[in-house]
Amino acid sequence: MGVASWVISGIAAFLVARIVPFSTQMRWKTELVTALLAAMGAGVAATALDFGGWREPDWRAAVFAFFVALALVGALRAAIMSPGQST
């Protein structure tokens, strides 16, 4: 159950990021993979920090996974954007 909350948090972060238009190019697959991997990594970190776990859903771990995934999708967008391109 805990892993499912991390995945749901990653998907939610991906969907929130897709609301903000970025460019005409479709990079949604890269953003989805980044959000899911970031959420899973944050969930493992939350387990190591002893809030949440693999089998027990915890709202703190889900929120942590959501914000880490959202931050990394934003960092990915910032890295992809060329210096002359405006938002």
PDB file of N, CA and C in Angstrom:
ATOM      1  N   MET A   1       0.823  -1.209   0.000  1.00  0.00           N
ATOM      2  CA  MET A   1       0.000   0.000   0.000  1.00  0.00           C
ATOM      3  C   MET A   1       0.856   1.258   0.000  1.00  0.00           C
ATOM      4  N   GLY A   2       1.977   1.248   0.698  1.00  0.00           N
ATOM      5  CA  GLY A   2       2.828   2.428   0.738  1.00  0.00           C
ATOM      6  C   GLY A   2       3.397   2.755  -0.630  1.00  0.00           C
ATOM      7  N   VAL A   3       3.826   1.720  -1.356  1.00  0.00           N
ATOM      8  CA  VAL A   3       4.372   1.931  -2.695  1.00  0.00           C
ATOM      9  C   VAL A   3       3.294   2.496  -3.614  1.00  0.00           C
ATOM     10  N   ALA A   4       2.074   2.047  -3.457  1.00  0.00           N
ATOM     11  CA  ALA A   4       0.974   2.569  -4.283  1.00  0.00           C
ATOM     12  C   ALA A   4       0.748   4.051  -4.021  1.00  0.00           C
ATOM     13  N   SER A   5       0.888   4.483  -2.784  1.00  0.00           N
ATOM     14  CA  SER A   5       0.724   5.914  -2.504  1.00  0.00           C
ATOM     15  C   SER A   5       1.855   6.729  -3.117  1.00  0.00           C
ATOM     16  N   TRP A   6       3.054   6.142  -3.202  1.00  0.00           N
ATOM     17  CA  TRP A   6       4.159   6.847  -3.853  1.00  0.00           C
ATOM     18  C   TRP A   6       3.900   6.990  -5.349  1.00  0.00           C
ATOM     19  N   VAL A   7       3.412   5.921  -5.965  1.00  0.00           N
ATOM     20  CA  VAL A   7       3.115   5.960  -7.402  1.00  0.00           C
ATOM     21  C   VAL A   7       1.996   6.963  -7.683  1.00  0.00           C
ATOM     22  N   ILE A   8       0.977   6.965  -6.858  1.00  0.00           N
ATOM     23  CA  ILE A   8      -0.119   7.920  -7.032  1.00  0.00           C
ATOM     24  C   ILE A   8       0.394   9.348  -6.867  1.00  0.00           C
ATOM     25  N   SER A   9       1.303   9.558  -5.931  1.00  0.00           N
ATOM     26  CA  SER A   9       1.890  10.887  -5.748  1.00  0.00           C
ATOM     27  C   SER A   9       2.708  11.298  -6.966  1.00  0.00           C
ATOM     28  N   GLY A  10       3.439  10.373  -7.542  1.00  0.00           N
ATOM     29  CA  GLY A  10       4.210  10.669  -8.752  1.00  0.00           C
ATOM     30  C   GLY A  10       3.319  11.012  -9.932  1.00  0.00           C
ATOM     31  N   ILE A  11       2.240  10.273 -10.079  1.00  0.00           N
ATOM     32  CA  ILE A  11       1.298  10.565 -11.168  1.00  0.00           C
ATOM     33  C   ILE A  11       0.614  11.905 -10.936  1.00  0.00           C
ATOM     34  N   ALA A  12       0.273  12.204  -9.692  1.00  0.00           N
ATOM     35  CA  ALA A  12      -0.344  13.500  -9.390  1.00  0.00           C
ATOM     36  C   ALA A  12       0.618  14.644  -9.679  1.00  0.00           C
ATOM     37  N   ALA A  13       1.892  14.468  -9.353  1.00  0.00           N
ATOM     38  CA  ALA A  13       2.885  15.506  -9.651  1.00  0.00           C
ATOM     39  C   ALA A  13       3.027  15.691 -11.155  1.00  0.00           C
ATOM     40  N   PHE A  14       3.010  14.600 -11.898  1.00  0.00           N
ATOM     41  CA  PHE A  14       3.071  14.675 -13.354  1.00  0.00           C
ATOM     42  C   PHE A  14       1.871  15.435 -13.910  1.00  0.00           C
ATOM     43  N   LEU A  15       0.685  15.147 -13.408  1.00  0.00           N
ATOM     44  CA  LEU A  15      -0.520  15.817 -13.902  1.00  0.00           C
ATOM     45  C   LEU A  15      -0.533  17.300 -13.547  1.00  0.00           C
ATOM     46  N   VAL A  16      -0.055  17.646 -12.364  1.00  0.00           N
ATOM     47  CA  VAL A  16       0.034  19.062 -11.992  1.00  0.00           C
ATOM     48  C   VAL A  16       1.032  19.779 -12.887  1.00  0.00           C
ATOM     49  N   ALA A  17       2.153  19.126 -13.180  1.00  0.00           N
ATOM     50  CA  ALA A  17       3.160  19.736 -14.048  1.00  0.00           C
ATOM     51  C   ALA A  17       2.638  19.910 -15.464  1.00  0.00           C
ATOM     52  N   ARG A  18       1.772  19.019 -15.910  1.00  0.00           N
ATOM     53  CA  ARG A  18       1.236  19.116 -17.281  1.00  0.00           C
ATOM     54  C   ARG A  18       0.239  20.266 -17.418  1.00  0.00           C
ATOM     55  N   ILE A  19      -0.285  20.778 -16.311  1.00  0.00           N
ATOM     56  CA  ILE A  19      -1.202  21.914 -16.384  1.00  0.00           C
ATOM     57  C   ILE A  19      -0.474  23.154 -16.878  1.00  0.00           C
ATOM     58  N   VAL A  20       0.780  23.302 -16.438  1.00  0.00           N
ATOM     59  CA  VAL A  20       1.579  24.460 -16.837  1.00  0.00           C
ATOM     60  C   VAL A  20       2.161  24.181 -18.216  1.00  0.00           C
ATOM     61  N   PRO A  21       1.800  24.987 -19.232  1.00  0.00           N
ATOM     62  CA  PRO A  21       2.339  24.739 -20.563  1.00  0.00           C
ATOM     63  C   PRO A  21       3.836  25.037 -20.604  1.00  0.00           C
ATOM     64  N   PHE A  22       4.579  24.195 -21.275  1.00  0.00           N
ATOM     65  CA  PHE A  22       6.035  24.338 -21.309  1.00  0.00           C
ATOM     66  C   PHE A  22       6.527  24.724 -22.696  1.00  0.00           C
ATOM     67  N   SER A  23       6.243  23.924 -23.672  1.00  0.00           N
ATOM     68  CA  SER A  23       6.678  24.209 -25.033  1.00  0.00           C
ATOM     69  C   SER A  23       5.768  23.447 -25.985  1.00  0.00           C
ATOM     70  N   THR A  24       6.019  23.627 -27.246  1.00  0.00           N
ATOM     71  CA  THR A  24       5.203  22.933 -28.235  1.00  0.00           C
ATOM     72  C   THR A  24       5.633  21.486 -28.389  1.00  0.00           C
ATOM     73  N   GLN A  25       6.823  21.145 -27.934  1.00  0.00           N
ATOM     74  CA  GLN A  25       7.299  19.770 -28.037  1.00  0.00           C
ATOM     75  C   GLN A  25       6.675  18.916 -26.942  1.00  0.00           C
ATOM     76  N   MET A  26       6.310  17.728 -27.304  1.00  0.00           N
ATOM     77  CA  MET A  26       5.719  16.810 -26.329  1.00  0.00           C
ATOM     78  C   MET A  26       6.822  16.000 -25.666  1.00  0.00           C
ATOM     79  N   ARG A  27       7.083  16.271 -24.409  1.00  0.00           N
ATOM     80  CA  ARG A  27       8.064  15.517 -23.638  1.00  0.00           C
ATOM     81  C   ARG A  27       7.375  14.830 -22.467  1.00  0.00           C
ATOM     82  N   TRP A  28       6.159  14.422 -22.647  1.00  0.00           N
ATOM     83  CA  TRP A  28       5.400  13.900 -21.525  1.00  0.00           C
ATOM     84  C   TRP A  28       5.929  12.555 -21.047  1.00  0.00           C
ATOM     85  N   LYS A  29       6.490  11.750 -21.937  1.00  0.00           N
ATOM     86  CA  LYS A  29       7.005  10.449 -21.505  1.00  0.00           C
ATOM     87  C   LYS A  29       8.198  10.618 -20.575  1.00  0.00           C
ATOM     88  N   THR A  30       9.085  11.537 -20.930  1.00  0.00           N
ATOM     89  CA  THR A  30      10.249  11.803 -20.090  1.00  0.00           C
ATOM     90  C   THR A  30       9.818  12.350 -18.740  1.00  0.00           C
ATOM     91  N   GLU A  31       8.845  13.247 -18.746  1.00  0.00           N
ATOM     92  CA  GLU A  31       8.361  13.831 -17.497  1.00  0.00           C
ATOM     93  C   GLU A  31       7.663  12.779 -16.624  1.00  0.00           C
ATOM     94  N   LEU A  32       6.914  11.887 -17.238  1.00  0.00           N
ATOM     95  CA  LEU A  32       6.229  10.842 -16.481  1.00  0.00           C
ATOM     96  C   LEU A  32       7.228   9.893 -15.821  1.00  0.00           C
ATOM     97  N   VAL A  33       8.228   9.470 -16.578  1.00  0.00           N
ATOM     98  CA  VAL A  33       9.248   8.573 -16.019  1.00  0.00           C
ATOM     99  C   VAL A  33      10.014   9.278 -14.903  1.00  0.00           C
ATOM    100  N   THR A  34      10.353  10.550 -15.109  1.00  0.00           N
ATOM    101  CA  THR A  34      11.064  11.314 -14.081  1.00  0.00           C
ATOM    102  C   THR A  34      10.221  11.431 -12.819  1.00  0.00           C
ATOM    103  N   ALA A  35       8.945  11.746 -12.968  1.00  0.00           N
ATOM    104  CA  ALA A  35       8.065  11.901 -11.804  1.00  0.00           C
ATOM    105  C   ALA A  35       7.921  10.584 -11.041  1.00  0.00           C
ATOM    106  N   LEU A  36       7.759   9.480 -11.762  1.00  0.00           N
ATOM    107  CA  LEU A  36       7.596   8.188 -11.090  1.00  0.00           C
ATOM    108  C   LEU A  36       8.874   7.744 -10.387  1.00  0.00           C
ATOM    109  N   LEU A  37      10.009   7.917 -11.051  1.00  0.00           N
ATOM    110  CA  LEU A  37      11.273   7.529 -10.416  1.00  0.00           C
ATOM    111  C   LEU A  37      11.585   8.415  -9.217  1.00  0.00           C
ATOM    112  N   ALA A  38      11.287   9.701  -9.329  1.00  0.00           N
ATOM    113  CA  ALA A  38      11.522  10.605  -8.197  1.00  0.00           C
ATOM    114  C   ALA A  38      10.616  10.261  -7.029  1.00  0.00           C
ATOM    115  N   ALA A  39       9.367   9.944  -7.301  1.00  0.00           N
ATOM    116  CA  ALA A  39       8.438   9.580  -6.234  1.00  0.00           C
ATOM    117  C   ALA A  39       8.852   8.276  -5.560  1.00  0.00           C
ATOM    118  N   MET A  40       9.322   7.321  -6.348  1.00  0.00           N
ATOM    119  CA  MET A  40       9.778   6.069  -5.758  1.00  0.00           C
ATOM    120  C   MET A  40      11.025   6.289  -4.903  1.00  0.00           C
ATOM    121  N   GLY A  41      11.951   7.098  -5.397  1.00  0.00           N
ATOM    122  CA  GLY A  41      13.149   7.404  -4.617  1.00  0.00           C
ATOM    123  C   GLY A  41      12.821   8.142  -3.332  1.00  0.00           C
ATOM    124  N   ALA A  42      11.886   9.077  -3.419  1.00  0.00           N
ATOM    125  CA  ALA A  42      11.464   9.808  -2.220  1.00  0.00           C
ATOM    126  C   ALA A  42      10.744   8.884  -1.245  1.00  0.00           C
ATOM    127  N   GLY A  43       9.997   7.930  -1.759  1.00  0.00           N
ATOM    128  CA  GLY A  43       9.331   6.966  -0.889  1.00  0.00           C
ATOM    129  C   GLY A  43      10.322   6.074  -0.152  1.00  0.00           C
ATOM    130  N   VAL A  44      11.372   5.673  -0.852  1.00  0.00           N
ATOM    131  CA  VAL A  44      12.420   4.881  -0.204  1.00  0.00           C
ATOM    132  C   VAL A  44      13.125   5.726   0.855  1.00  0.00           C
ATOM    133  N   ALA A  45      13.380   6.993   0.546  1.00  0.00           N
ATOM    134  CA  ALA A  45      13.992   7.892   1.530  1.00  0.00           C
ATOM    135  C   ALA A  45      13.072   8.092   2.732  1.00  0.00           C
ATOM    136  N   ALA A  46      11.776   8.202   2.478  1.00  0.00           N
ATOM    137  CA  ALA A  46      10.819   8.347   3.576  1.00  0.00           C
ATOM    138  C   ALA A  46      10.807   7.100   4.449  1.00  0.00           C
ATOM    139  N   THR A  47      10.954   5.945   3.841  1.00  0.00           N
ATOM    140  CA  THR A  47      11.032   4.705   4.614  1.00  0.00           C
ATOM    141  C   THR A  47      12.293   4.693   5.472  1.00  0.00           C
ATOM    142  N   ALA A  48      13.400   5.152   4.899  1.00  0.00           N
ATOM    143  CA  ALA A  48      14.652   5.212   5.657  1.00  0.00           C
ATOM    144  C   ALA A  48      14.559   6.213   6.808  1.00  0.00           C
ATOM    145  N   LEU A  49      13.781   7.280   6.616  1.00  0.00           N
ATOM    146  CA  LEU A  49      13.593   8.274   7.664  1.00  0.00           C
ATOM    147  C   LEU A  49      12.501   7.863   8.660  1.00  0.00           C
ATOM    148  N   ASP A  50      11.919   6.717   8.443  1.00  0.00           N
ATOM    149  CA  ASP A  50      10.945   6.103   9.341  1.00  0.00           C
ATOM    150  C   ASP A  50       9.600   6.822   9.392  1.00  0.00           C
ATOM    151  N   PHE A  51       9.181   7.385   8.271  1.00  0.00           N
ATOM    152  CA  PHE A  51       7.778   7.769   8.159  1.00  0.00           C
ATOM    153  C   PHE A  51       7.272   7.156   6.867  1.00  0.00           C
ATOM    154  N   GLY A  52       6.262   6.360   7.013  1.00  0.00           N
ATOM    155  CA  GLY A  52       5.760   5.581   5.892  1.00  0.00           C
ATOM    156  C   GLY A  52       6.460   4.235   5.849  1.00  0.00           C
ATOM    157  N   GLY A  53       6.310   3.561   4.753  1.00  0.00           N
ATOM    158  CA  GLY A  53       6.940   2.261   4.590  1.00  0.00           C
ATOM    159  C   GLY A  53       6.468   1.609   3.314  1.00  0.00           C
ATOM    160  N   TRP A  54       6.996   0.419   3.063  1.00  0.00           N
ATOM    161  CA  TRP A  54       6.619  -0.297   1.852  1.00  0.00           C
ATOM    162  C   TRP A  54       5.155  -0.719   1.880  1.00  0.00           C
ATOM    163  N   ARG A  55       4.699  -1.144   3.032  1.00  0.00           N
ATOM    164  CA  ARG A  55       3.371  -1.744   3.114  1.00  0.00           C
ATOM    165  C   ARG A  55       2.339  -0.863   3.785  1.00  0.00           C
ATOM    166  N   GLU A  56       2.772   0.141   4.492  1.00  0.00           N
ATOM    167  CA  GLU A  56       1.826   0.975   5.234  1.00  0.00           C
ATOM    168  C   GLU A  56       1.790   2.381   4.636  1.00  0.00           C
ATOM    169  N   PRO A  57       0.656   2.797   4.131  1.00  0.00           N
ATOM    170  CA  PRO A  57       0.579   4.140   3.561  1.00  0.00           C
ATOM    171  C   PRO A  57       0.620   5.203   4.664  1.00  0.00           C
ATOM    172  N   ASP A  58       1.358   6.244   4.411  1.00  0.00           N
ATOM    173  CA  ASP A  58       1.454   7.349   5.359  1.00  0.00           C
ATOM    174  C   ASP A  58       1.345   8.633   4.552  1.00  0.00           C
ATOM    175  N   TRP A  59       0.535   9.552   5.010  1.00  0.00           N
ATOM    176  CA  TRP A  59       0.304  10.785   4.255  1.00  0.00           C
ATOM    177  C   TRP A  59       1.574  11.609   4.166  1.00  0.00           C
ATOM    178  N   ARG A  60       2.457  11.534   5.164  1.00  0.00           N
ATOM    179  CA  ARG A  60       3.697  12.311   5.126  1.00  0.00           C
ATOM    180  C   ARG A  60       4.610  11.821   4.014  1.00  0.00           C
ATOM    181  N   ALA A  61       4.691  10.523   3.834  1.00  0.00           N
ATOM    182  CA  ALA A  61       5.510   9.961   2.768  1.00  0.00           C
ATOM    183  C   ALA A  61       4.923  10.312   1.398  1.00  0.00           C
ATOM    184  N   ALA A  62       3.601  10.296   1.281  1.00  0.00           N
ATOM    185  CA  ALA A  62       2.958  10.634   0.010  1.00  0.00           C
ATOM    186  C   ALA A  62       3.180  12.100  -0.349  1.00  0.00           C
ATOM    187  N   VAL A  63       3.067  12.983   0.627  1.00  0.00           N
ATOM    188  CA  VAL A  63       3.296  14.407   0.373  1.00  0.00           C
ATOM    189  C   VAL A  63       4.764  14.658   0.025  1.00  0.00           C
ATOM    190  N   PHE A  64       5.663  13.996   0.734  1.00  0.00           N
ATOM    191  CA  PHE A  64       7.092  14.124   0.454  1.00  0.00           C
ATOM    192  C   PHE A  64       7.395  13.646  -0.957  1.00  0.00           C
ATOM    193  N   ALA A  65       6.846  12.513  -1.351  1.00  0.00           N
ATOM    194  CA  ALA A  65       7.057  11.979  -2.696  1.00  0.00           C
ATOM    195  C   ALA A  65       6.481  12.914  -3.755  1.00  0.00           C
ATOM    196  N   PHE A  66       5.318  13.500  -3.479  1.00  0.00           N
ATOM    197  CA  PHE A  66       4.698  14.427  -4.426  1.00  0.00           C
ATOM    198  C   PHE A  66       5.584  15.643  -4.678  1.00  0.00           C
ATOM    199  N   PHE A  67       6.069  16.258  -3.602  1.00  0.00           N
ATOM    200  CA  PHE A  67       6.860  17.472  -3.775  1.00  0.00           C
ATOM    201  C   PHE A  67       8.240  17.202  -4.367  1.00  0.00           C
ATOM    202  N   VAL A  68       8.841  16.078  -4.033  1.00  0.00           N
ATOM    203  CA  VAL A  68      10.124  15.728  -4.648  1.00  0.00           C
ATOM    204  C   VAL A  68       9.940  15.476  -6.140  1.00  0.00           C
ATOM    205  N   ALA A  69       8.893  14.766  -6.513  1.00  0.00           N
ATOM    206  CA  ALA A  69       8.619  14.496  -7.924  1.00  0.00           C
ATOM    207  C   ALA A  69       8.336  15.791  -8.676  1.00  0.00           C
ATOM    208  N   LEU A  70       7.562  16.676  -8.069  1.00  0.00           N
ATOM    209  CA  LEU A  70       7.257  17.951  -8.707  1.00  0.00           C
ATOM    210  C   LEU A  70       8.521  18.795  -8.879  1.00  0.00           C
ATOM    211  N   ALA A  71       9.385  18.783  -7.889  1.00  0.00           N
ATOM    212  CA  ALA A  71      10.632  19.542  -7.969  1.00  0.00           C
ATOM    213  C   ALA A  71      11.546  18.997  -9.060  1.00  0.00           C
ATOM    214  N   LEU A  72      11.617  17.689  -9.187  1.00  0.00           N
ATOM    215  CA  LEU A  72      12.491  17.127 -10.208  1.00  0.00           C
ATOM    216  C   LEU A  72      11.938  17.304 -11.616  1.00  0.00           C
ATOM    217  N   VAL A  73      10.635  17.286 -11.774  1.00  0.00           N
ATOM    218  CA  VAL A  73      10.061  17.589 -13.094  1.00  0.00           C
ATOM    219  C   VAL A  73      10.345  19.049 -13.446  1.00  0.00           C
ATOM    220  N   GLY A  74      10.250  19.927 -12.466  1.00  0.00           N
ATOM    221  CA  GLY A  74      10.600  21.329 -12.699  1.00  0.00           C
ATOM    222  C   GLY A  74      12.060  21.501 -13.044  1.00  0.00           C
ATOM    223  N   ALA A  75      12.932  20.769 -12.374  1.00  0.00           N
ATOM    224  CA  ALA A  75      14.357  20.827 -12.682  1.00  0.00           C
ATOM    225  C   ALA A  75      14.637  20.287 -14.080  1.00  0.00           C
ATOM    226  N   LEU A  76      13.916  19.244 -14.468  1.00  0.00           N
ATOM    227  CA  LEU A  76      14.061  18.707 -15.820  1.00  0.00           C
ATOM    228  C   LEU A  76      13.645  19.745 -16.850  1.00  0.00           C
ATOM    229  N   ARG A  77      12.536  20.408 -16.612  1.00  0.00           N
ATOM    230  CA  ARG A  77      12.093  21.450 -17.535  1.00  0.00           C
ATOM    231  C   ARG A  77      13.087  22.601 -17.597  1.00  0.00           C
ATOM    232  N   ALA A  78      13.660  22.977 -16.468  1.00  0.00           N
ATOM    233  CA  ALA A  78      14.647  24.057 -16.455  1.00  0.00           C
ATOM    234  C   ALA A  78      15.917  23.662 -17.197  1.00  0.00           C
ATOM    235  N   ALA A  79      16.311  22.402 -17.097  1.00  0.00           N
ATOM    236  CA  ALA A  79      17.505  21.936 -17.782  1.00  0.00           C
ATOM    237  C   ALA A  79      17.295  21.840 -19.286  1.00  0.00           C
ATOM    238  N   ILE A  80      16.083  21.512 -19.697  1.00  0.00           N
ATOM    239  CA  ILE A  80      15.789  21.368 -21.122  1.00  0.00           C
ATOM    240  C   ILE A  80      15.637  22.724 -21.807  1.00  0.00           C
ATOM    241  N   MET A  81      15.101  23.695 -21.080  1.00  0.00           N
ATOM    242  CA  MET A  81      14.834  24.987 -21.679  1.00  0.00           C
ATOM    243  C   MET A  81      16.142  25.670 -22.082  1.00  0.00           C
ATOM    244  N   SER A  82      16.211  26.136 -23.306  1.00  0.00           N
ATOM    245  CA  SER A  82      17.425  26.811 -23.768  1.00  0.00           C
ATOM    246  C   SER A  82      17.498  28.208 -23.168  1.00  0.00           C
ATOM    247  N   PRO A  83      18.704  28.803 -23.101  1.00  0.00           N
ATOM    248  CA  PRO A  83      18.850  30.120 -22.458  1.00  0.00           C
ATOM    249  C   PRO A  83      18.041  31.223 -23.125  1.00  0.00           C
ATOM    250  N   GLY A  84      17.821  31.167 -24.409  1.00  0.00           N
ATOM    251  CA  GLY A  84      17.080  32.225 -25.100  1.00  0.00           C
ATOM    252  C   GLY A  84      15.568  32.043 -25.093  1.00  0.00           C
ATOM    253  N   GLN A  85      15.118  30.905 -24.638  1.00  0.00           N
ATOM    254  CA  GLN A  85      13.692  30.591 -24.668  1.00  0.00           C
ATOM    255  C   GLN A  85      13.019  31.135 -23.412  1.00  0.00           C
ATOM    256  N   SER A  86      11.868  31.773 -23.584  1.00  0.00           N
ATOM    257  CA  SER A  86      11.109  32.265 -22.432  1.00  0.00           C
ATOM    258  C   SER A  86       9.910  31.375 -22.205  1.00  0.00           C
ATOM    259  N   THR A  87       9.377  31.451 -21.007  1.00  0.00           N
ATOM    260  CA  THR A  87       8.226  30.594 -20.678  1.00  0.00           C
ATOM    261  C   THR A  87       6.995  31.191 -21.112  1.00  0.00           C
TER     262      THR A  87
END
